[in-house]
Amino acid sequence: MDVFEHLDESLIDELRKLLIHGFKIVCVGTELRSDDRVGLYICDKMISLGFKNVIKCSYGLENCIEDLVNLEKALIIDGLYTDLPPGAIILADPDELSDDMLISTHSIPHKLVIKFVKSLGGLKEVKILGIRVKSLDIGTSLSPEIKRVADDLVNKLLNVLGKSNY
């Protein structure tokens, strides 16, 4: 597991490698839990910028099983709850994360959904990009620092991918 205090060049290089090698972006979150919607915010922003090759999984990864079965490689973007400072980012294999690190508002843990989808022939490779959340209060707004990280991430992905390539 790699931990980044902010979006630095080494993280962007890792994301570039994943996306060039066919990883599709899958965004997860819960609309009504403040910062837990960070993945959905990123997905919505990418779609508004013309990206078509992203998958939005509202209220849990389990709600996108039909899409996931058809993917070989996925970069899952979701909120993360750890002892890291808000806005910190991790890039990890699913097995490197404990079930309680990814936001527990999702009905079924990510590892279990991924294992199930793999048993159906999908998701040969998975990476998780987790953004440490600040607030899980009921609400539809992101904390300013989490929004800043999300906006920066989208801008960096835009630079890496270019609209026409994704």
Foldseek 3Di string as FASTA:
>chain_A
DDKAQADDPVVLVVVLVQVVVPAFEEFEAEQFFALQCLSVVLVVVLVVVQADRYHYHYQAPLSCLVVQLPAQHYEYEGAFADPRDAFMKDKAFPVVDDQVGGPPSRPDGPVVSQVVSVVSPGHNYYIYIYGYADTRHGHRHYDVSSVVRSVVVSVSVCVSQPNVRD
